Amino acid sequence: MTSPIHVLMTGDDLLEPASRILAPIGATIETMSGPIDRARMIATLSARRFDAILVRANPPLDAGVLDAAPHLAMISKMGAGVDSVDLAGATERDIPVMTAGDANADATAEMAIALILAIRRDVVRLDARLKAGIWDRGRYIATELRGQTLGIVGLGRIGRQVGEMARALGMRVVASGRPGATPSTASGFAILPLEKLLAESDIVSLHCPMDASNRGFFNRDAIARMKPGALLVNTARGGLLNEADVAEALVSGRLGGAALDTLAAEPPKPDNPLLTAPNTIITPHIAAETAATMERIAVMGAENVLSWFTRREILVDRLVNRPVLPRLKGVSIL
C-alpha cells in the first residue's frame, strides 16, 4: 500500500513489540485501553479509517462491528482463540482472520499440567488448611497421576503438548476431537468417541476452540457420563461449560474437583456459583500470560499485518477462515 496503514489494537500492553515490527512500513497504531464492549468498538472504528485490527483479548467483532470498518482488510489475533469474531461475516466481507499460530501453546500446556497436578494433589486446599493451623500429615492420603487416565478434548497444538507431558508423567492419555469432530491418529494417542473418553478418564482436560456448536457442551449430561469423582480442567474457553451444572456436580461430589483458568464471563460476577463450589481452583485466564509468550504473540500478530500489506502473503496455517482464500486476488499462500 502506498498510503499509510492504520491499525487498531484492542489493548495497549503489547504495543512496543508490535510497533517495532510495523515501524518499517510507517504503520500507525491506535490502542484501546480498558474494557471494550460492542458499542465502543463501533464508535472507535467509525471515527476514522482502519485497515487492520490487531486483536488483544476477545472484544466483540460481530457483523455490526465489521460494518463500522468498511476499509478493513484483515484481522490479526494476538493469540489463538477467535470465538469473539464473526468468521462467516469476515469471510463474506473478504476479510482474512489470522492468529498467532502456536505462540501460546507452550505456556498454556504448562498451565494445564500445573492445574492437573494442583487439583489432583490438593495443593491449594492443603496449603489453606496448613495456614489455618491444620496439620494433615499422617492422615491425608493422596492419589498419584501415574497410572491415571487423562482425557484430552480437542487435540490441537496445545492438546497434543499436554498429552505428551502427561504421558511423561506416567499417565495413560486418550483423546477426542471437539464434539462432532474426530482428530488425527498421528499423535499416537488413543482416539475415542467423546462419550467413551468421558467414561474412561480420571481427569478430563478441555483444549478445543469454542463456537456455537459446542458452547455449554460440558453440562449435566456430559458429567453423568464421567467416572464418579473424576476431575475437570479447562484452559480453553469458559463458555464450553454449563457453569451451573458444573457447580452443582462439585457440590454433590459427582465431580471430584475442577481447575479452571477461564470462565464464561470475565471477570466473573460475584454470584457465579463456581466461586463458592468446593474443590475448585480458578485462575484469571492467565495460562498464556508469560513474558516469552506475550512477546511471541505480539510479533506474530504484527507479522501477519506486515506480510499482508507489503507482500500480500498469508501463512495458511495461521488463517482461520480459509473459505475466504478463493476470493483474495493476487495473494501468495505460504
C-alpha atoms as a PDB file:
ATOM      1  CA  MET A   1       0.000   0.000   0.000  1.00  0.00           C
ATOM      2  CA  THR A   2       1.212   3.491  -0.816  1.00  0.00           C
ATOM      3  CA  SER A   3      -0.990   5.309   1.699  1.00  0.00           C
ATOM      4  CA  PRO A   4      -0.311   4.987   5.446  1.00  0.00           C
ATOM      5  CA  ILE A   5      -1.615   1.826   7.087  1.00  0.00           C
ATOM      6  CA  HIS A   6      -3.829   2.480  10.105  1.00  0.00           C
ATOM      7  CA  VAL A   7      -4.033  -0.328  12.642  1.00  0.00           C
ATOM      8  CA  LEU A   8      -6.339  -0.571  15.645  1.00  0.00           C
ATOM      9  CA  MET A   9      -5.009  -2.582  18.605  1.00  0.00           C
ATOM     10  CA  THR A  10      -7.615  -3.677  21.140  1.00  0.00           C
ATOM     11  CA  GLY A  11      -5.273  -3.239  24.109  1.00  0.00           C
ATOM     12  CA  ASP A  12      -2.072  -1.408  24.922  1.00  0.00           C
ATOM     13  CA  ASP A  13       0.144  -3.888  26.718  1.00  0.00           C
ATOM     14  CA  LEU A  14       1.810  -5.282  23.578  1.00  0.00           C
ATOM     15  CA  LEU A  15       2.385  -2.026  21.744  1.00  0.00           C
ATOM     16  CA  GLU A  16       6.204  -1.952  21.772  1.00  0.00           C
ATOM     17  CA  PRO A  17       6.942  -5.284  20.010  1.00  0.00           C
ATOM     18  CA  ALA A  18       4.095  -4.747  17.528  1.00  0.00           C
ATOM     19  CA  SER A  19       5.271  -1.201  16.777  1.00  0.00           C
ATOM     20  CA  ARG A  20       8.806  -2.458  16.239  1.00  0.00           C
ATOM     21  CA  ILE A  21       7.622  -4.907  13.581  1.00  0.00           C
ATOM     22  CA  LEU A  22       5.364  -2.408  11.795  1.00  0.00           C
ATOM     23  CA  ALA A  23       7.605   0.674  12.011  1.00  0.00           C
ATOM     24  CA  PRO A  24       9.465  -0.003   8.723  1.00  0.00           C
ATOM     25  CA  ILE A  25       6.245   0.407   6.729  1.00  0.00           C
ATOM     26  CA  GLY A  26       5.172   3.536   8.590  1.00  0.00           C
ATOM     27  CA  ALA A  27       2.054   1.978  10.089  1.00  0.00           C
ATOM     28  CA  THR A  28       0.215   3.946  12.734  1.00  0.00           C
ATOM     29  CA  ILE A  29      -1.222   2.001  15.671  1.00  0.00           C
ATOM     30  CA  GLU A  30      -4.102   3.298  17.780  1.00  0.00           C
ATOM     31  CA  THR A  31      -4.538   1.432  21.055  1.00  0.00           C
ATOM     32  CA  MET A  32      -7.620   0.888  23.193  1.00  0.00           C
ATOM     33  CA  SER A  33      -7.129   0.730  26.967  1.00  0.00           C
ATOM     34  CA  GLY A  34      -9.600  -0.573  29.499  1.00  0.00           C
ATOM     35  CA  PRO A  35     -12.818  -2.556  28.991  1.00  0.00           C
ATOM     36  CA  ILE A  36     -14.033  -2.863  25.406  1.00  0.00           C
ATOM     37  CA  ASP A  37     -17.648  -3.557  24.532  1.00  0.00           C
ATOM     38  CA  ARG A  38     -19.509  -3.637  21.247  1.00  0.00           C
ATOM     39  CA  ALA A  39     -20.605  -0.001  21.383  1.00  0.00           C
ATOM     40  CA  ARG A  40     -17.057   1.176  21.996  1.00  0.00           C
ATOM     41  CA  MET A  41     -15.736  -0.939  19.114  1.00  0.00           C
ATOM     42  CA  ILE A  42     -18.311   0.524  16.734  1.00  0.00           C
ATOM     43  CA  ALA A  43     -17.610   4.080  17.867  1.00  0.00           C
ATOM     44  CA  THR A  44     -13.837   3.658  17.529  1.00  0.00           C
ATOM     45  CA  LEU A  45     -13.972   2.023  14.108  1.00  0.00           C
ATOM     46  CA  SER A  46     -16.448   4.616  12.837  1.00  0.00           C
ATOM     47  CA  ALA A  47     -14.294   7.552  13.902  1.00  0.00           C
ATOM     48  CA  ARG A  48     -11.547   7.033  11.320  1.00  0.00           C
ATOM     49  CA  ARG A  49     -10.295   4.645   8.655  1.00  0.00           C
ATOM     50  CA  PHE A  50      -8.690   1.444   9.869  1.00  0.00           C
ATOM     51  CA  ASP A  51      -7.007  -1.047   7.540  1.00  0.00           C
ATOM     52  CA  ALA A  52      -6.328  -3.791  10.109  1.00  0.00           C
ATOM     53  CA  ILE A  53      -7.209  -4.794  13.646  1.00  0.00           C
ATOM     54  CA  LEU A  54      -4.652  -6.348  15.976  1.00  0.00           C
ATOM     55  CA  VAL A  55      -6.910  -8.198  18.387  1.00  0.00           C
ATOM     56  CA  ARG A  56      -5.796  -8.472  22.000  1.00  0.00           C
ATOM     57  CA  ALA A  57      -8.120 -10.425  24.350  1.00  0.00           C
ATOM     58  CA  ASN A  58     -11.627 -11.060  22.980  1.00  0.00           C
ATOM     59  CA  PRO A  59     -13.518  -7.886  22.086  1.00  0.00           C
ATOM     60  CA  PRO A  60     -16.748  -8.417  20.115  1.00  0.00           C
ATOM     61  CA  LEU A  61     -16.199  -8.364  16.350  1.00  0.00           C
ATOM     62  CA  ASP A  62     -19.648  -9.224  15.045  1.00  0.00           C
ATOM     63  CA  ALA A  63     -21.256  -8.175  11.755  1.00  0.00           C
ATOM     64  CA  GLY A  64     -22.298  -4.788  13.099  1.00  0.00           C
ATOM     65  CA  VAL A  65     -18.767  -4.055  14.289  1.00  0.00           C
ATOM     66  CA  LEU A  66     -17.306  -5.122  10.941  1.00  0.00           C
ATOM     67  CA  ASP A  67     -19.783  -2.858   9.141  1.00  0.00           C
ATOM     68  CA  ALA A  68     -18.326   0.087  11.075  1.00  0.00           C
ATOM     69  CA  ALA A  69     -14.958  -0.509   9.351  1.00  0.00           C
ATOM     70  CA  PRO A  70     -15.648  -0.543   5.592  1.00  0.00           C
ATOM     71  CA  HIS A  71     -11.936  -0.293   4.707  1.00  0.00           C
ATOM     72  CA  LEU A  72     -10.877  -3.144   6.966  1.00  0.00           C
ATOM     73  CA  ALA A  73      -8.592  -5.500   5.025  1.00  0.00           C
ATOM     74  CA  MET A  74      -7.557  -8.027   7.663  1.00  0.00           C
ATOM     75  CA  ILE A  75      -7.880  -9.075  11.304  1.00  0.00           C
ATOM     76  CA  SER A  76      -4.877 -10.466  13.180  1.00  0.00           C
ATOM     77  CA  LYS A  77      -5.413 -12.079  16.577  1.00  0.00           C
ATOM     78  CA  MET A  78      -2.633 -11.811  19.161  1.00  0.00           C
ATOM     79  CA  GLY A  79      -3.390 -15.296  20.384  1.00  0.00           C
ATOM     80  CA  ALA A  80      -5.195 -18.376  19.152  1.00  0.00           C
ATOM     81  CA  GLY A  81      -8.895 -18.121  20.079  1.00  0.00           C
ATOM     82  CA  VAL A  82     -11.230 -16.303  17.698  1.00  0.00           C
ATOM     83  CA  ASP A  83     -14.614 -17.105  19.257  1.00  0.00           C
ATOM     84  CA  SER A  84     -15.438 -13.394  19.566  1.00  0.00           C
ATOM     85  CA  VAL A  85     -15.026 -12.894  15.789  1.00  0.00           C
ATOM     86  CA  ASP A  86     -17.890 -13.398  13.330  1.00  0.00           C
ATOM     87  CA  LEU A  87     -15.898 -15.614  10.954  1.00  0.00           C
ATOM     88  CA  ALA A  88     -18.751 -16.004   8.483  1.00  0.00           C
ATOM     89  CA  GLY A  89     -19.209 -12.241   8.428  1.00  0.00           C
ATOM     90  CA  ALA A  90     -15.498 -11.654   7.908  1.00  0.00           C
ATOM     91  CA  THR A  91     -15.401 -14.184   5.069  1.00  0.00           C
ATOM     92  CA  GLU A  92     -18.444 -12.597   3.445  1.00  0.00           C
ATOM     93  CA  ARG A  93     -16.582  -9.273   3.517  1.00  0.00           C
ATOM     94  CA  ASP A  94     -13.362 -10.823   2.124  1.00  0.00           C
ATOM     95  CA  ILE A  95     -11.505 -10.150   5.381  1.00  0.00           C
ATOM     96  CA  PRO A  96      -8.889 -12.789   6.300  1.00  0.00           C
ATOM     97  CA  VAL A  97      -8.760 -13.603  10.029  1.00  0.00           C
ATOM     98  CA  MET A  98      -5.344 -14.756  11.210  1.00  0.00           C
ATOM     99  CA  THR A  99      -3.920 -15.884  14.536  1.00  0.00           C
ATOM    100  CA  ALA A 100      -0.538 -16.057  16.224  1.00  0.00           C
ATOM    101  CA  GLY A 101      -0.378 -19.766  15.474  1.00  0.00           C
ATOM    102  CA  ASP A 102       1.148 -21.834  18.239  1.00  0.00           C
ATOM    103  CA  ALA A 103       2.756 -18.866  20.037  1.00  0.00           C
ATOM    104  CA  ASN A 104       0.858 -19.578  23.249  1.00  0.00           C
ATOM    105  CA  ALA A 105       0.927 -23.376  23.082  1.00  0.00           C
ATOM    106  CA  ASP A 106       3.896 -23.979  25.399  1.00  0.00           C
ATOM    107  CA  ALA A 107       2.671 -21.674  28.151  1.00  0.00           C
ATOM    108  CA  THR A 108      -0.930 -22.904  28.031  1.00  0.00           C
ATOM    109  CA  ALA A 109       0.127 -26.553  28.047  1.00  0.00           C
ATOM    110  CA  GLU A 110       2.362 -25.903  31.055  1.00  0.00           C
ATOM    111  CA  MET A 111      -0.525 -24.244  32.882  1.00  0.00           C
ATOM    112  CA  ALA A 112      -2.835 -27.154  32.128  1.00  0.00           C
ATOM    113  CA  ILE A 113      -0.322 -29.565  33.619  1.00  0.00           C
ATOM    114  CA  ALA A 114       0.146 -27.256  36.617  1.00  0.00           C
ATOM    115  CA  LEU A 115      -3.608 -27.263  37.216  1.00  0.00           C
ATOM    116  CA  ILE A 116      -3.810 -31.039  36.773  1.00  0.00           C
ATOM    117  CA  LEU A 117      -1.109 -31.501  39.396  1.00  0.00           C
ATOM    118  CA  ALA A 118      -2.605 -28.905  41.724  1.00  0.00           C
ATOM    119  CA  ILE A 119      -6.138 -30.311  41.686  1.00  0.00           C
ATOM    120  CA  ARG A 120      -5.067 -33.980  41.753  1.00  0.00           C
ATOM    121  CA  ARG A 121      -2.645 -33.431  44.661  1.00  0.00           C
ATOM    122  CA  ASP A 122      -4.879 -30.974  46.580  1.00  0.00           C
ATOM    123  CA  VAL A 123      -2.127 -28.351  46.615  1.00  0.00           C
ATOM    124  CA  VAL A 124      -4.320 -25.286  47.150  1.00  0.00           C
ATOM    125  CA  ARG A 125      -6.608 -26.863  49.757  1.00  0.00           C
ATOM    126  CA  LEU A 126      -3.729 -28.348  51.752  1.00  0.00           C
ATOM    127  CA  ASP A 127      -1.920 -25.005  51.711  1.00  0.00           C
ATOM    128  CA  ALA A 128      -5.022 -23.230  53.067  1.00  0.00           C
ATOM    129  CA  ARG A 129      -5.557 -25.859  55.759  1.00  0.00           C
ATOM    130  CA  LEU A 130      -1.951 -25.671  56.918  1.00  0.00           C
ATOM    131  CA  LYS A 131      -2.123 -21.872  57.152  1.00  0.00           C
ATOM    132  CA  ALA A 132      -5.321 -22.272  59.173  1.00  0.00           C
ATOM    133  CA  GLY A 133      -3.396 -24.378  61.693  1.00  0.00           C
ATOM    134  CA  ILE A 134      -4.451 -27.818  60.435  1.00  0.00           C
ATOM    135  CA  TRP A 135      -1.567 -30.300  60.055  1.00  0.00           C
ATOM    136  CA  ASP A 136      -2.746 -33.105  57.771  1.00  0.00           C
ATOM    137  CA  ARG A 137       0.402 -35.216  57.653  1.00  0.00           C
ATOM    138  CA  GLY A 138      -0.319 -38.721  58.894  1.00  0.00           C
ATOM    139  CA  ARG A 139      -3.985 -38.717  57.974  1.00  0.00           C
ATOM    140  CA  TYR A 140      -4.076 -37.426  54.406  1.00  0.00           C
ATOM    141  CA  ILE A 141      -3.535 -39.906  51.570  1.00  0.00           C
ATOM    142  CA  ALA A 142      -3.076 -38.536  48.041  1.00  0.00           C
ATOM    143  CA  THR A 143      -3.617 -40.055  44.587  1.00  0.00           C
ATOM    144  CA  GLU A 144      -0.741 -40.233  42.115  1.00  0.00           C
ATOM    145  CA  LEU A 145      -1.045 -39.182  38.492  1.00  0.00           C
ATOM    146  CA  ARG A 146       0.958 -42.191  37.299  1.00  0.00           C
ATOM    147  CA  GLY A 147      -1.419 -44.820  36.004  1.00  0.00           C
ATOM    148  CA  GLN A 148      -4.392 -42.474  35.825  1.00  0.00           C
ATOM    149  CA  THR A 149      -6.187 -41.760  32.538  1.00  0.00           C
ATOM    150  CA  LEU A 150      -6.166 -38.237  31.149  1.00  0.00           C
ATOM    151  CA  GLY A 151      -8.827 -37.489  28.559  1.00  0.00           C
ATOM    152  CA  ILE A 152      -7.987 -34.609  26.238  1.00  0.00           C
ATOM    153  CA  VAL A 153     -10.896 -32.994  24.403  1.00  0.00           C
ATOM    154  CA  GLY A 154      -9.501 -31.080  21.427  1.00  0.00           C
ATOM    155  CA  LEU A 155      -6.237 -32.366  20.001  1.00  0.00           C
ATOM    156  CA  GLY A 156      -4.735 -29.227  18.523  1.00  0.00           C
ATOM    157  CA  ARG A 157      -1.297 -27.808  19.285  1.00  0.00           C
ATOM    158  CA  ILE A 158      -1.990 -27.313  22.994  1.00  0.00           C
ATOM    159  CA  GLY A 159      -3.861 -30.568  23.499  1.00  0.00           C
ATOM    160  CA  ARG A 160      -1.044 -32.551  21.887  1.00  0.00           C
ATOM    161  CA  GLN A 161       1.575 -30.911  24.122  1.00  0.00           C
ATOM    162  CA  VAL A 162      -0.489 -31.584  27.236  1.00  0.00           C
ATOM    163  CA  GLY A 163      -0.806 -35.212  26.183  1.00  0.00           C
ATOM    164  CA  GLU A 164       2.940 -35.571  25.676  1.00  0.00           C
ATOM    165  CA  MET A 165       3.676 -34.013  29.074  1.00  0.00           C
ATOM    166  CA  ALA A 166       1.085 -36.194  30.784  1.00  0.00           C
ATOM    167  CA  ARG A 167       2.473 -39.308  29.155  1.00  0.00           C
ATOM    168  CA  ALA A 168       5.913 -38.372  30.512  1.00  0.00           C
ATOM    169  CA  LEU A 169       4.326 -38.317  33.973  1.00  0.00           C
ATOM    170  CA  GLY A 170       3.190 -41.903  33.508  1.00  0.00           C
ATOM    171  CA  MET A 171      -0.423 -41.181  32.636  1.00  0.00           C
ATOM    172  CA  ARG A 172      -2.473 -43.039  30.078  1.00  0.00           C
ATOM    173  CA  VAL A 173      -3.631 -40.466  27.539  1.00  0.00           C
ATOM    174  CA  VAL A 174      -6.768 -40.748  25.439  1.00  0.00           C
ATOM    175  CA  ALA A 175      -8.114 -38.046  23.168  1.00  0.00           C
ATOM    176  CA  SER A 176     -11.224 -36.917  21.395  1.00  0.00           C
ATOM    177  CA  GLY A 177     -11.924 -34.147  18.943  1.00  0.00           C
ATOM    178  CA  ARG A 178     -14.242 -31.323  19.786  1.00  0.00           C
ATOM    179  CA  PRO A 179     -17.865 -32.539  19.846  1.00  0.00           C
ATOM    180  CA  GLY A 180     -18.713 -33.819  16.376  1.00  0.00           C
ATOM    181  CA  ALA A 181     -15.080 -33.976  15.158  1.00  0.00           C
ATOM    182  CA  THR A 182     -12.537 -36.790  15.005  1.00  0.00           C
ATOM    183  CA  PRO A 183      -8.863 -35.849  15.433  1.00  0.00           C
ATOM    184  CA  SER A 184      -5.962 -37.367  13.552  1.00  0.00           C
ATOM    185  CA  THR A 185      -4.419 -40.542  14.920  1.00  0.00           C
ATOM    186  CA  ALA A 186      -0.945 -39.199  14.070  1.00  0.00           C
ATOM    187  CA  SER A 187      -0.447 -38.046  17.673  1.00  0.00           C
ATOM    188  CA  GLY A 188      -0.007 -41.612  18.864  1.00  0.00           C
ATOM    189  CA  PHE A 189      -2.734 -41.200  21.488  1.00  0.00           C
ATOM    190  CA  ALA A 190      -5.740 -43.491  21.603  1.00  0.00           C
ATOM    191  CA  ILE A 191      -8.596 -41.673  19.838  1.00  0.00           C
ATOM    192  CA  LEU A 192     -12.000 -42.299  21.417  1.00  0.00           C
ATOM    193  CA  PRO A 193     -15.528 -41.029  20.868  1.00  0.00           C
ATOM    194  CA  LEU A 194     -16.270 -38.292  23.378  1.00  0.00           C
ATOM    195  CA  GLU A 195     -18.733 -40.430  25.329  1.00  0.00           C
ATOM    196  CA  LYS A 196     -16.162 -43.218  25.778  1.00  0.00           C
ATOM    197  CA  LEU A 197     -13.439 -40.732  26.730  1.00  0.00           C
ATOM    198  CA  LEU A 198     -15.641 -39.256  29.441  1.00  0.00           C
ATOM    199  CA  ALA A 199     -16.413 -42.724  30.793  1.00  0.00           C
ATOM    200  CA  GLU A 200     -12.764 -43.826  30.948  1.00  0.00           C
ATOM    201  CA  SER A 201     -10.989 -40.680  32.154  1.00  0.00           C
ATOM    202  CA  ASP A 202      -9.930 -39.887  35.698  1.00  0.00           C
ATOM    203  CA  ILE A 203      -9.210 -36.327  34.584  1.00  0.00           C
ATOM    204  CA  VAL A 204     -10.736 -34.517  31.589  1.00  0.00           C
ATOM    205  CA  SER A 205      -8.838 -31.549  30.142  1.00  0.00           C
ATOM    206  CA  LEU A 206     -10.513 -29.249  27.602  1.00  0.00           C
ATOM    207  CA  HIS A 207      -8.473 -27.806  24.730  1.00  0.00           C
ATOM    208  CA  CYS A 208     -10.975 -27.218  21.934  1.00  0.00           C
ATOM    209  CA  PRO A 209     -11.923 -23.895  20.380  1.00  0.00           C
ATOM    210  CA  MET A 210     -15.450 -22.672  21.097  1.00  0.00           C
ATOM    211  CA  ASP A 211     -18.212 -21.772  18.698  1.00  0.00           C
ATOM    212  CA  ALA A 212     -21.990 -22.039  18.564  1.00  0.00           C
ATOM    213  CA  SER A 213     -21.804 -25.813  18.030  1.00  0.00           C
ATOM    214  CA  ASN A 214     -20.129 -26.646  21.348  1.00  0.00           C
ATOM    215  CA  ARG A 215     -20.995 -23.769  23.667  1.00  0.00           C
ATOM    216  CA  GLY A 216     -22.052 -25.244  27.001  1.00  0.00           C
ATOM    217  CA  PHE A 217     -21.495 -28.841  25.850  1.00  0.00           C
ATOM    218  CA  PHE A 218     -19.861 -29.773  29.154  1.00  0.00           C
ATOM    219  CA  ASN A 219     -23.120 -29.947  31.063  1.00  0.00           C
ATOM    220  CA  ARG A 220     -25.097 -32.252  33.335  1.00  0.00           C
ATOM    221  CA  ASP A 221     -25.341 -34.924  30.634  1.00  0.00           C
ATOM    222  CA  ALA A 222     -21.581 -34.914  29.988  1.00  0.00           C
ATOM    223  CA  ILE A 223     -20.854 -35.084  33.707  1.00  0.00           C
ATOM    224  CA  ALA A 224     -23.233 -38.043  34.078  1.00  0.00           C
ATOM    225  CA  ARG A 225     -21.068 -39.985  31.606  1.00  0.00           C
ATOM    226  CA  MET A 226     -17.909 -39.436  33.694  1.00  0.00           C
ATOM    227  CA  LYS A 227     -16.499 -41.580  36.453  1.00  0.00           C
ATOM    228  CA  PRO A 228     -17.867 -40.509  39.833  1.00  0.00           C
ATOM    229  CA  GLY A 229     -15.279 -38.213  41.428  1.00  0.00           C
ATOM    230  CA  ALA A 230     -13.395 -37.520  38.190  1.00  0.00           C
ATOM    231  CA  LEU A 231     -11.701 -34.150  37.774  1.00  0.00           C
ATOM    232  CA  LEU A 232     -12.183 -31.384  35.203  1.00  0.00           C
ATOM    233  CA  VAL A 233      -9.509 -28.994  33.900  1.00  0.00           C
ATOM    234  CA  ASN A 234     -10.298 -26.166  31.473  1.00  0.00           C
ATOM    235  CA  THR A 235      -7.702 -23.866  29.921  1.00  0.00           C
ATOM    236  CA  ALA A 236      -9.689 -23.332  26.694  1.00  0.00           C
ATOM    237  CA  ARG A 237     -12.852 -21.223  26.906  1.00  0.00           C
ATOM    238  CA  GLY A 238     -15.176 -20.831  29.865  1.00  0.00           C
ATOM    239  CA  GLY A 239     -18.219 -20.924  27.615  1.00  0.00           C
ATOM    240  CA  LEU A 240     -17.593 -24.601  26.903  1.00  0.00           C
ATOM    241  CA  LEU A 241     -19.050 -25.286  30.353  1.00  0.00           C
ATOM    242  CA  ASN A 242     -22.548 -25.020  31.658  1.00  0.00           C
ATOM    243  CA  GLU A 243     -21.213 -23.425  34.812  1.00  0.00           C
ATOM    244  CA  ALA A 244     -24.344 -24.020  36.890  1.00  0.00           C
ATOM    245  CA  ASP A 245     -24.236 -27.743  36.072  1.00  0.00           C
ATOM    246  CA  VAL A 246     -20.524 -27.960  36.892  1.00  0.00           C
ATOM    247  CA  ALA A 247     -21.001 -26.134  40.208  1.00  0.00           C
ATOM    248  CA  GLU A 248     -23.910 -28.420  41.104  1.00  0.00           C
ATOM    249  CA  ALA A 249     -21.789 -31.503  40.365  1.00  0.00           C
ATOM    250  CA  LEU A 250     -18.957 -30.160  42.518  1.00  0.00           C
ATOM    251  CA  VAL A 251     -21.300 -29.534  45.433  1.00  0.00           C
ATOM    252  CA  SER A 252     -22.807 -33.029  45.153  1.00  0.00           C
ATOM    253  CA  GLY A 253     -19.392 -34.669  44.756  1.00  0.00           C
ATOM    254  CA  ARG A 254     -20.283 -36.128  41.347  1.00  0.00           C
ATOM    255  CA  LEU A 255     -17.270 -34.161  40.120  1.00  0.00           C
ATOM    256  CA  GLY A 256     -14.310 -34.606  42.421  1.00  0.00           C
ATOM    257  CA  GLY A 257     -12.817 -31.210  41.580  1.00  0.00           C
ATOM    258  CA  ALA A 258     -12.281 -28.621  38.892  1.00  0.00           C
ATOM    259  CA  ALA A 259      -9.323 -26.453  37.930  1.00  0.00           C
ATOM    260  CA  LEU A 260     -10.334 -23.627  35.616  1.00  0.00           C
ATOM    261  CA  ASP A 261      -8.308 -20.873  34.005  1.00  0.00           C
ATOM    262  CA  THR A 262     -11.239 -19.384  32.142  1.00  0.00           C
ATOM    263  CA  LEU A 263     -14.876 -18.542  32.795  1.00  0.00           C
ATOM    264  CA  ALA A 264     -17.863 -17.664  30.613  1.00  0.00           C
ATOM    265  CA  ALA A 265     -17.896 -14.067  31.895  1.00  0.00           C
ATOM    266  CA  GLU A 266     -14.579 -12.462  32.801  1.00  0.00           C
ATOM    267  CA  PRO A 267     -14.069 -11.129  35.355  1.00  0.00           C
ATOM    268  CA  PRO A 268     -16.751 -13.314  36.979  1.00  0.00           C
ATOM    269  CA  LYS A 269     -19.849 -11.881  38.578  1.00  0.00           C
ATOM    270  CA  PRO A 270     -19.935 -12.276  42.378  1.00  0.00           C
ATOM    271  CA  ASP A 271     -22.863 -14.690  42.132  1.00  0.00           C
ATOM    272  CA  ASN A 272     -21.079 -17.154  39.837  1.00  0.00           C
ATOM    273  CA  PRO A 273     -21.695 -20.487  41.624  1.00  0.00           C
ATOM    274  CA  LEU A 274     -18.219 -21.749  40.754  1.00  0.00           C
ATOM    275  CA  LEU A 275     -16.675 -19.165  43.091  1.00  0.00           C
ATOM    276  CA  THR A 276     -18.109 -20.965  46.118  1.00  0.00           C
ATOM    277  CA  ALA A 277     -18.046 -24.537  44.806  1.00  0.00           C
ATOM    278  CA  PRO A 278     -15.861 -26.989  46.762  1.00  0.00           C
ATOM    279  CA  ASN A 279     -12.612 -28.486  45.461  1.00  0.00           C
ATOM    280  CA  THR A 280     -12.258 -25.783  42.835  1.00  0.00           C
ATOM    281  CA  ILE A 281      -9.213 -23.841  41.654  1.00  0.00           C
ATOM    282  CA  ILE A 282      -9.854 -20.795  39.469  1.00  0.00           C
ATOM    283  CA  THR A 283      -7.171 -18.591  37.928  1.00  0.00           C
ATOM    284  CA  PRO A 284      -7.811 -15.351  35.972  1.00  0.00           C
ATOM    285  CA  HIS A 285      -7.321 -16.563  32.374  1.00  0.00           C
ATOM    286  CA  ILE A 286      -3.540 -16.276  32.591  1.00  0.00           C
ATOM    287  CA  ALA A 287      -2.389 -19.599  31.109  1.00  0.00           C
ATOM    288  CA  ALA A 288      -0.652 -17.865  28.211  1.00  0.00           C
ATOM    289  CA  GLU A 289       0.434 -14.769  30.126  1.00  0.00           C
ATOM    290  CA  THR A 290       4.177 -15.341  30.224  1.00  0.00           C
ATOM    291  CA  ALA A 291       6.785 -12.804  29.122  1.00  0.00           C
ATOM    292  CA  ALA A 292       8.019 -15.037  26.322  1.00  0.00           C
ATOM    293  CA  THR A 293       4.524 -15.779  25.051  1.00  0.00           C
ATOM    294  CA  MET A 294       3.468 -12.130  25.137  1.00  0.00           C
ATOM    295  CA  GLU A 295       6.481 -11.220  23.012  1.00  0.00           C
ATOM    296  CA  ARG A 296       5.745 -14.042  20.551  1.00  0.00           C
ATOM    297  CA  ILE A 297       2.062 -13.272  20.068  1.00  0.00           C
ATOM    298  CA  ALA A 298       2.751  -9.570  19.553  1.00  0.00           C
ATOM    299  CA  VAL A 299       5.462 -10.274  16.991  1.00  0.00           C
ATOM    300  CA  MET A 300       3.462 -12.938  15.151  1.00  0.00           C
ATOM    301  CA  GLY A 301       0.297 -10.847  15.161  1.00  0.00           C
ATOM    302  CA  ALA A 302       2.152  -7.873  13.723  1.00  0.00           C
ATOM    303  CA  GLU A 303       3.995 -10.093  11.224  1.00  0.00           C
ATOM    304  CA  ASN A 304       0.628 -11.142   9.814  1.00  0.00           C
ATOM    305  CA  VAL A 305      -0.201  -7.497   9.174  1.00  0.00           C
ATOM    306  CA  LEU A 306       3.253  -6.777   7.733  1.00  0.00           C
ATOM    307  CA  SER A 307       3.119  -9.714   5.299  1.00  0.00           C
ATOM    308  CA  TRP A 308      -0.368  -8.862   4.145  1.00  0.00           C
ATOM    309  CA  PHE A 309       0.246  -5.194   3.424  1.00  0.00           C
ATOM    310  CA  THR A 310       3.771  -5.455   2.000  1.00  0.00           C
ATOM    311  CA  ARG A 311       3.829  -8.746   0.072  1.00  0.00           C
ATOM    312  CA  ARG A 312       0.201  -9.869   0.020  1.00  0.00           C
ATOM    313  CA  GLU A 313       1.269 -13.125   1.669  1.00  0.00           C
ATOM    314  CA  ILE A 314      -0.711 -15.325   4.022  1.00  0.00           C
ATOM    315  CA  LEU A 315       0.673 -18.124   6.168  1.00  0.00           C
ATOM    316  CA  VAL A 316      -2.167 -20.550   5.627  1.00  0.00           C
ATOM    317  CA  ASP A 317      -1.630 -22.360   8.938  1.00  0.00           C
ATOM    318  CA  ARG A 318      -2.442 -19.084  10.725  1.00  0.00           C
ATOM    319  CA  LEU A 319      -5.539 -18.361   8.628  1.00  0.00           C
ATOM    320  CA  VAL A 320      -8.780 -19.284  10.395  1.00  0.00           C
ATOM    321  CA  ASN A 321     -11.424 -18.569   7.745  1.00  0.00           C
ATOM    322  CA  ARG A 322      -9.922 -20.466   4.827  1.00  0.00           C
ATOM    323  CA  PRO A 323     -13.088 -20.174   2.686  1.00  0.00           C
ATOM    324  CA  VAL A 324     -12.015 -16.565   2.079  1.00  0.00           C
ATOM    325  CA  LEU A 325      -8.972 -17.692   0.057  1.00  0.00           C
ATOM    326  CA  PRO A 326     -10.623 -18.116  -3.373  1.00  0.00           C
ATOM    327  CA  ARG A 327     -11.809 -14.511  -3.253  1.00  0.00           C
ATOM    328  CA  LEU A 328      -8.440 -12.962  -2.350  1.00  0.00           C
ATOM    329  CA  LYS A 329      -6.825 -11.790  -5.566  1.00  0.00           C
ATOM    330  CA  GLY A 330      -3.066 -11.695  -6.036  1.00  0.00           C
ATOM    331  CA  VAL A 331      -2.304 -13.348  -2.696  1.00  0.00           C
ATOM    332  CA  SER A 332       0.637 -15.693  -2.099  1.00  0.00           C
ATOM    333  CA  ILE A 333      -0.267 -18.675   0.083  1.00  0.00           C
ATOM    334  CA  LEU A 334       2.645 -19.874   2.206  1.00  0.00           C
END
